[in-house]
């Protein structure tokens, strides 16, 4: 293996890691938005419970459950994407080892393919959460309409 080939073998995973880092950043922003929304719903539920608005508490509890499911999906996306990044880093290390143990190429290939598959799984979770997130917005709109109707009856 020439120095140029080795350099190319190191650069490709490094570029891959950069791209994956941007995905992780995007997933993290989405996760923080979900967590913030979940905290707000828990607070609204607590306020409704103290005020004795049982119907509102039940409606909010259903919304909390929906958001918790979304949080699980985005957590899985985060985990599998990070696992893929770790695998790509290991690929770089094993590629360096090929200078001394030429057969290490086989291990590097297996690790790299596993890493890409892990990232694909993460992206499937991400896509799934995005699809659910759009429908969740409509659910929230219905939730507030229902709360408005219930408050009219209790006033």
C-alpha atoms as a PDB file:
ATOM      1  CA  UNK A   1       0.000   0.000   0.000  1.00  0.00           C
ATOM      2  CA  UNK A   2       1.429   3.357  -0.999  1.00  0.00           C
ATOM      3  CA  UNK A   3       1.324   6.446   1.165  1.00  0.00           C
ATOM      4  CA  UNK A   4      -1.250   7.989  -1.196  1.00  0.00           C
ATOM      5  CA  UNK A   5      -3.562   4.993  -0.850  1.00  0.00           C
ATOM      6  CA  UNK A   6      -3.186   5.062   2.920  1.00  0.00           C
ATOM      7  CA  UNK A   7      -3.927   8.810   2.970  1.00  0.00           C
ATOM      8  CA  UNK A   8      -7.054   8.221   0.872  1.00  0.00           C
ATOM      9  CA  UNK A   9      -8.118   5.412   3.211  1.00  0.00           C
ATOM     10  CA  UNK A  10      -7.837   7.791   6.172  1.00  0.00           C
ATOM     11  CA  UNK A  11      -9.509  10.801   4.529  1.00  0.00           C
ATOM     12  CA  UNK A  12     -12.723   9.059   3.418  1.00  0.00           C
ATOM     13  CA  UNK A  13     -13.782   8.015   6.950  1.00  0.00           C
ATOM     14  CA  UNK A  14     -12.792  11.444   8.289  1.00  0.00           C
ATOM     15  CA  UNK A  15     -15.140  13.156   5.812  1.00  0.00           C
ATOM     16  CA  UNK A  16     -17.798  10.612   6.742  1.00  0.00           C
ATOM     17  CA  UNK A  17     -17.366  11.508  10.419  1.00  0.00           C
ATOM     18  CA  UNK A  18     -17.897  15.219   9.614  1.00  0.00           C
ATOM     19  CA  UNK A  19     -21.122  14.500   7.754  1.00  0.00           C
ATOM     20  CA  UNK A  20     -22.307  12.237  10.553  1.00  0.00           C
ATOM     21  CA  UNK A  21     -21.507  14.992  13.060  1.00  0.00           C
ATOM     22  CA  UNK A  22     -23.921  17.297  11.282  1.00  0.00           C
ATOM     23  CA  UNK A  23     -26.595  14.596  11.468  1.00  0.00           C
ATOM     24  CA  UNK A  24     -25.974  14.204  15.193  1.00  0.00           C
ATOM     25  CA  UNK A  25     -26.272  17.969  15.635  1.00  0.00           C
ATOM     26  CA  UNK A  26     -29.608  17.944  13.812  1.00  0.00           C
ATOM     27  CA  UNK A  27     -30.883  15.017  15.867  1.00  0.00           C
ATOM     28  CA  UNK A  28     -29.743  16.681  19.098  1.00  0.00           C
ATOM     29  CA  UNK A  29     -31.629  19.898  18.265  1.00  0.00           C
ATOM     30  CA  UNK A  30     -34.763  17.866  17.570  1.00  0.00           C
ATOM     31  CA  UNK A  31     -34.328  15.922  20.834  1.00  0.00           C
ATOM     32  CA  UNK A  32     -33.964  19.131  22.842  1.00  0.00           C
ATOM     33  CA  UNK A  33     -37.138  20.518  21.247  1.00  0.00           C
ATOM     34  CA  UNK A  34     -39.027  17.370  22.193  1.00  0.00           C
ATOM     35  CA  UNK A  35     -37.692  17.467  25.762  1.00  0.00           C
ATOM     36  CA  UNK A  36     -38.654  21.140  26.103  1.00  0.00           C
ATOM     37  CA  UNK A  37     -42.162  20.414  24.822  1.00  0.00           C
ATOM     38  CA  UNK A  38     -42.474  17.441  27.180  1.00  0.00           C
ATOM     39  CA  UNK A  39     -41.517  19.604  30.163  1.00  0.00           C
ATOM     40  CA  UNK A  40     -44.118  22.187  29.165  1.00  0.00           C
ATOM     41  CA  UNK A  41     -46.846  19.542  28.953  1.00  0.00           C
ATOM     42  CA  UNK A  42     -45.858  18.111  32.345  1.00  0.00           C
ATOM     43  CA  UNK A  43     -46.114  21.593  33.846  1.00  0.00           C
ATOM     44  CA  UNK A  44     -49.521  22.189  32.187  1.00  0.00           C
ATOM     45  CA  UNK A  45     -50.711  18.827  33.490  1.00  0.00           C
ATOM     46  CA  UNK A  46     -49.546  19.667  37.008  1.00  0.00           C
ATOM     47  CA  UNK A  47     -51.328  23.039  36.925  1.00  0.00           C
ATOM     48  CA  UNK A  48     -54.508  21.385  35.591  1.00  0.00           C
ATOM     49  CA  UNK A  49     -54.337  18.697  38.293  1.00  0.00           C
ATOM     50  CA  UNK A  50     -53.993  21.273  41.056  1.00  0.00           C
ATOM     51  CA  UNK A  51     -56.941  23.207  39.603  1.00  0.00           C
ATOM     52  CA  UNK A  52     -59.021  20.004  39.572  1.00  0.00           C
ATOM     53  CA  UNK A  53     -59.508  19.925  35.791  1.00  0.00           C
ATOM     54  CA  UNK A  54     -59.536  16.132  35.440  1.00  0.00           C
ATOM     55  CA  UNK A  55     -60.527  16.034  31.764  1.00  0.00           C
ATOM     56  CA  UNK A  56     -57.697  18.366  30.860  1.00  0.00           C
ATOM     57  CA  UNK A  57     -55.268  16.213  32.851  1.00  0.00           C
ATOM     58  CA  UNK A  58     -56.367  13.128  30.883  1.00  0.00           C
ATOM     59  CA  UNK A  59     -55.984  14.911  27.563  1.00  0.00           C
ATOM     60  CA  UNK A  60     -52.558  16.217  28.522  1.00  0.00           C
ATOM     61  CA  UNK A  61     -51.514  12.759  29.724  1.00  0.00           C
ATOM     62  CA  UNK A  62     -52.351  11.331  26.287  1.00  0.00           C
ATOM     63  CA  UNK A  63     -50.263  14.036  24.643  1.00  0.00           C
ATOM     64  CA  UNK A  64     -47.375  13.371  27.040  1.00  0.00           C
ATOM     65  CA  UNK A  65     -47.454   9.698  26.112  1.00  0.00           C
ATOM     66  CA  UNK A  66     -47.319  10.591  22.413  1.00  0.00           C
ATOM     67  CA  UNK A  67     -44.364  12.915  22.922  1.00  0.00           C
ATOM     68  CA  UNK A  68     -42.544  10.316  25.037  1.00  0.00           C
ATOM     69  CA  UNK A  69     -42.859   7.851  22.129  1.00  0.00           C
ATOM     70  CA  UNK A  70     -41.343  10.473  19.823  1.00  0.00           C
ATOM     71  CA  UNK A  71     -38.538  11.041  22.322  1.00  0.00           C
ATOM     72  CA  UNK A  72     -37.780   7.315  22.298  1.00  0.00           C
ATOM     73  CA  UNK A  73     -37.569   7.302  18.509  1.00  0.00           C
ATOM     74  CA  UNK A  74     -35.231  10.278  18.415  1.00  0.00           C
ATOM     75  CA  UNK A  75     -33.119   8.778  21.230  1.00  0.00           C
ATOM     76  CA  UNK A  76     -32.747   5.626  19.121  1.00  0.00           C
ATOM     77  CA  UNK A  77     -31.789   7.732  16.096  1.00  0.00           C
ATOM     78  CA  UNK A  78     -29.183   9.496  18.230  1.00  0.00           C
ATOM     79  CA  UNK A  79     -27.799   6.217  19.626  1.00  0.00           C
ATOM     80  CA  UNK A  80     -27.460   4.407  16.304  1.00  0.00           C
ATOM     81  CA  UNK A  81     -25.921   7.434  14.588  1.00  0.00           C
ATOM     82  CA  UNK A  82     -23.371   7.842  17.387  1.00  0.00           C
ATOM     83  CA  UNK A  83     -22.657   4.113  17.234  1.00  0.00           C
ATOM     84  CA  UNK A  84     -21.987   4.518  13.520  1.00  0.00           C
ATOM     85  CA  UNK A  85     -19.581   7.385  14.192  1.00  0.00           C
ATOM     86  CA  UNK A  86     -17.706   5.335  16.767  1.00  0.00           C
ATOM     87  CA  UNK A  87     -17.453   2.527  14.221  1.00  0.00           C
ATOM     88  CA  UNK A  88     -16.036   4.877  11.585  1.00  0.00           C
ATOM     89  CA  UNK A  89     -13.438   6.092  14.092  1.00  0.00           C
ATOM     90  CA  UNK A  90     -12.515   2.487  14.813  1.00  0.00           C
ATOM     91  CA  UNK A  91     -12.252   1.933  11.070  1.00  0.00           C
ATOM     92  CA  UNK A  92      -9.661   4.721  10.917  1.00  0.00           C
ATOM     93  CA  UNK A  93      -7.666   3.108  13.718  1.00  0.00           C
ATOM     94  CA  UNK A  94      -7.778  -0.319  12.102  1.00  0.00           C
ATOM     95  CA  UNK A  95      -6.749   1.188   8.760  1.00  0.00           C
ATOM     96  CA  UNK A  96      -3.663   2.533  10.529  1.00  0.00           C
ATOM     97  CA  UNK A  97      -3.010  -0.943  11.858  1.00  0.00           C
ATOM     98  CA  UNK A  98      -2.878  -2.244   8.281  1.00  0.00           C
ATOM     99  CA  UNK A  99       0.614  -0.738   8.030  1.00  0.00           C
ATOM    100  CA  UNK A 100       1.783  -3.474  10.379  1.00  0.00           C
ATOM    101  CA  UNK A 101      -0.853  -6.163   9.845  1.00  0.00           C
ATOM    102  CA  UNK A 102      -2.052  -6.138   6.217  1.00  0.00           C
ATOM    103  CA  UNK A 103      -4.886  -8.587   6.992  1.00  0.00           C
ATOM    104  CA  UNK A 104      -6.521  -5.913   9.174  1.00  0.00           C
ATOM    105  CA  UNK A 105      -8.228  -4.621   5.998  1.00  0.00           C
ATOM    106  CA  UNK A 106     -10.857  -7.319   6.463  1.00  0.00           C
ATOM    107  CA  UNK A 107     -11.636  -6.105   9.982  1.00  0.00           C
ATOM    108  CA  UNK A 108     -11.744  -2.484   8.792  1.00  0.00           C
ATOM    109  CA  UNK A 109     -14.237  -3.370   6.068  1.00  0.00           C
ATOM    110  CA  UNK A 110     -16.486  -5.264   8.486  1.00  0.00           C
ATOM    111  CA  UNK A 111     -16.424  -2.423  11.011  1.00  0.00           C
ATOM    112  CA  UNK A 112     -17.112   0.199   8.330  1.00  0.00           C
ATOM    113  CA  UNK A 113     -20.049  -1.710   6.819  1.00  0.00           C
ATOM    114  CA  UNK A 114     -21.492  -2.284  10.313  1.00  0.00           C
ATOM    115  CA  UNK A 115     -21.112   1.426  11.053  1.00  0.00           C
ATOM    116  CA  UNK A 116     -22.910   2.462   7.894  1.00  0.00           C
ATOM    117  CA  UNK A 117     -25.721  -0.004   8.653  1.00  0.00           C
ATOM    118  CA  UNK A 118     -25.992   1.422  12.173  1.00  0.00           C
ATOM    119  CA  UNK A 119     -26.290   4.926  10.783  1.00  0.00           C
ATOM    120  CA  UNK A 120     -28.948   3.749   8.337  1.00  0.00           C
ATOM    121  CA  UNK A 121     -30.937   2.335  11.246  1.00  0.00           C
ATOM    122  CA  UNK A 122     -30.529   5.673  13.032  1.00  0.00           C
ATOM    123  CA  UNK A 123     -31.780   7.544   9.981  1.00  0.00           C
ATOM    124  CA  UNK A 124     -34.814   5.240   9.766  1.00  0.00           C
ATOM    125  CA  UNK A 125     -35.684   6.160  13.368  1.00  0.00           C
ATOM    126  CA  UNK A 126     -35.133   9.825  12.509  1.00  0.00           C
ATOM    127  CA  UNK A 127     -37.395   9.681   9.462  1.00  0.00           C
ATOM    128  CA  UNK A 128     -40.035   7.859  11.493  1.00  0.00           C
ATOM    129  CA  UNK A 129     -39.940  10.520  14.210  1.00  0.00           C
ATOM    130  CA  UNK A 130     -40.157  13.348  11.692  1.00  0.00           C
ATOM    131  CA  UNK A 131     -43.246  11.738  10.138  1.00  0.00           C
ATOM    132  CA  UNK A 132     -44.849  11.315  13.567  1.00  0.00           C
ATOM    133  CA  UNK A 133     -43.796  14.843  14.574  1.00  0.00           C
ATOM    134  CA  UNK A 134     -45.837  16.377  11.788  1.00  0.00           C
ATOM    135  CA  UNK A 135     -48.960  14.477  12.833  1.00  0.00           C
ATOM    136  CA  UNK A 136     -48.229  15.322  16.477  1.00  0.00           C
ATOM    137  CA  UNK A 137     -48.611  19.014  15.662  1.00  0.00           C
ATOM    138  CA  UNK A 138     -52.154  18.352  14.432  1.00  0.00           C
ATOM    139  CA  UNK A 139     -52.870  16.387  17.627  1.00  0.00           C
ATOM    140  CA  UNK A 140     -51.735  19.359  19.716  1.00  0.00           C
ATOM    141  CA  UNK A 141     -54.046  21.657  17.789  1.00  0.00           C
ATOM    142  CA  UNK A 142     -56.971  19.324  18.506  1.00  0.00           C
ATOM    143  CA  UNK A 143     -55.851  19.109  22.133  1.00  0.00           C
ATOM    144  CA  UNK A 144     -56.063  22.860  22.618  1.00  0.00           C
ATOM    145  CA  UNK A 145     -59.425  22.992  20.822  1.00  0.00           C
ATOM    146  CA  UNK A 146     -60.688  20.302  23.216  1.00  0.00           C
ATOM    147  CA  UNK A 147     -59.298  22.143  26.249  1.00  0.00           C
ATOM    148  CA  UNK A 148     -61.010  25.353  25.046  1.00  0.00           C
ATOM    149  CA  UNK A 149     -64.340  23.509  24.691  1.00  0.00           C
ATOM    150  CA  UNK A 150     -63.971  21.924  28.143  1.00  0.00           C
ATOM    151  CA  UNK A 151     -63.157  25.279  29.736  1.00  0.00           C
ATOM    152  CA  UNK A 152     -66.341  26.765  28.240  1.00  0.00           C
ATOM    153  CA  UNK A 153     -68.384  24.082  30.009  1.00  0.00           C
ATOM    154  CA  UNK A 154     -66.679  24.592  33.352  1.00  0.00           C
ATOM    155  CA  UNK A 155     -66.965  28.393  33.285  1.00  0.00           C
END
